[in-house]
Protein backbone atom coordinates (compact mmCIF):
# COMPACT_ATOMS: atom_id res chain seq x y z
CA UNK A 1 101.10 77.98 174.90
CA UNK A 2 100.01 80.46 172.27
CA UNK A 3 97.91 83.44 173.21
CA UNK A 4 94.52 84.18 171.70
CA UNK A 5 96.01 87.02 169.68
CA UNK A 6 98.76 84.76 168.30
CA UNK A 7 96.25 82.10 167.26
CA UNK A 8 94.01 84.64 165.57
CA UNK A 9 97.00 86.19 163.79
CA UNK A 10 98.13 82.78 162.55
CA UNK A 11 94.57 82.04 161.36
CA UNK A 12 94.48 85.34 159.46
CA UNK A 13 97.85 84.57 157.86
CA UNK A 14 96.60 81.16 156.75
CA UNK A 15 93.42 82.70 155.30
CA UNK A 16 95.51 85.24 153.41
CA UNK A 17 97.74 82.51 152.01
CA UNK A 18 94.67 80.45 151.05
CA UNK A 19 93.30 83.45 149.14
CA UNK A 20 96.60 83.76 147.26
CA UNK A 21 96.50 80.08 146.30
CA UNK A 22 92.93 80.52 145.05
CA UNK A 23 93.98 83.52 142.92
CA UNK A 24 96.87 81.54 141.46
CA UNK A 25 94.62 78.57 140.72
CA UNK A 26 92.09 80.78 138.93
CA UNK A 27 94.90 82.35 136.90
CA UNK A 28 96.15 78.98 135.75
CA UNK A 29 92.87 78.17 134.03
CA UNK A 30 93.54 80.75 131.33
CA UNK A 31 97.24 80.02 130.94
CA UNK A 32 96.72 78.34 127.58
CA UNK A 33 94.13 80.67 126.08
CA UNK A 34 95.11 81.33 122.48
CA UNK A 35 97.81 78.67 122.33
CA UNK A 36 97.24 76.13 119.56
CA UNK A 37 96.41 72.76 121.08
CA UNK A 38 94.84 70.71 118.26
CA UNK A 39 96.44 69.36 115.09
CA UNK A 40 94.52 71.78 112.85
CA UNK A 41 95.41 74.75 115.03
CA UNK A 42 99.17 74.34 114.87
CA UNK A 43 99.67 73.49 111.18
CA UNK A 44 100.62 77.08 110.36
CA UNK A 45 103.41 76.88 112.97
CA UNK A 46 104.48 73.24 113.02
CA UNK A 47 104.49 70.54 110.34
CA UNK A 48 105.42 66.89 110.16
CA UNK A 49 107.07 65.25 113.18
CA UNK A 50 107.59 68.64 114.83
CA UNK A 51 103.84 69.15 114.96
CA UNK A 52 103.35 65.84 116.74
CA UNK A 53 106.13 66.63 119.24
CA UNK A 54 104.56 70.03 119.87
CA UNK A 55 101.09 68.55 120.41
CA UNK A 56 102.48 65.85 122.72
CA UNK A 57 104.22 68.52 124.77
CA UNK A 58 101.09 70.71 124.90
CA UNK A 59 99.01 67.81 126.23
CA UNK A 60 101.68 67.02 128.85
CA UNK A 61 102.02 70.61 130.03
CA UNK A 62 98.24 71.14 130.15
CA UNK A 63 97.93 68.05 132.34
CA UNK A 64 100.71 69.31 134.63
CA UNK A 65 99.06 72.74 134.89
CA UNK A 66 95.73 71.08 135.71
CA UNK A 67 97.48 69.08 138.44
CA UNK A 68 99.05 72.28 139.74
CA UNK A 69 95.64 73.95 139.79
CA UNK A 70 94.19 71.02 141.75
CA UNK A 71 97.10 71.19 144.19
CA UNK A 72 96.62 74.94 144.70
CA UNK A 73 92.92 74.43 145.41
CA UNK A 74 93.59 71.55 147.82
CA UNK A 75 96.24 73.59 149.63
CA UNK A 76 93.83 76.52 149.94
CA UNK A 77 91.20 74.20 151.41
CA UNK A 78 93.71 72.78 153.89
CA UNK A 79 94.82 76.26 154.92
CA UNK A 80 91.22 77.37 155.46
CA UNK A 81 90.48 74.29 157.58
CA UNK A 82 93.59 74.95 159.67
CA UNK A 83 92.59 78.60 160.07
CA UNK A 84 89.14 77.56 161.27
CA UNK A 85 90.74 75.18 163.76
CA UNK A 86 93.00 77.96 165.05
CA UNK A 87 90.04 80.33 165.44
CA UNK A 88 88.16 77.62 167.34
CA UNK A 89 91.16 77.13 169.62
CA UNK A 90 91.39 80.90 170.14
CA UNK A 91 87.72 81.01 171.09
CA UNK A 92 88.38 78.66 173.99
CA UNK A 93 90.94 81.00 175.51
CA UNK A 94 89.25 83.31 177.99
CA UNK A 95 91.78 86.15 177.95
CA UNK A 96 95.37 86.80 177.02
CA UNK A 97 97.71 86.50 180.01
């Protein structure tokens, strides 16, 4: 059985990891700032069929990044819930042996 100190340490580690996931998720939101994403925006770089391939790829990658952001946020929530559970378990332990 884990000691109170071990449970609290594990909870702190999970909170720290959750904070990292939150930072990463917030950073993803601006990943495409300044990158052309509409037909009119990319005409100076891409023309004809290449422009359509570029725009198709941009839409796909933006969707994947949004999914990654959602996954990071969900993982952070799960880690925080697990940390709270560990702290609650630690609170039931009277003293370390």
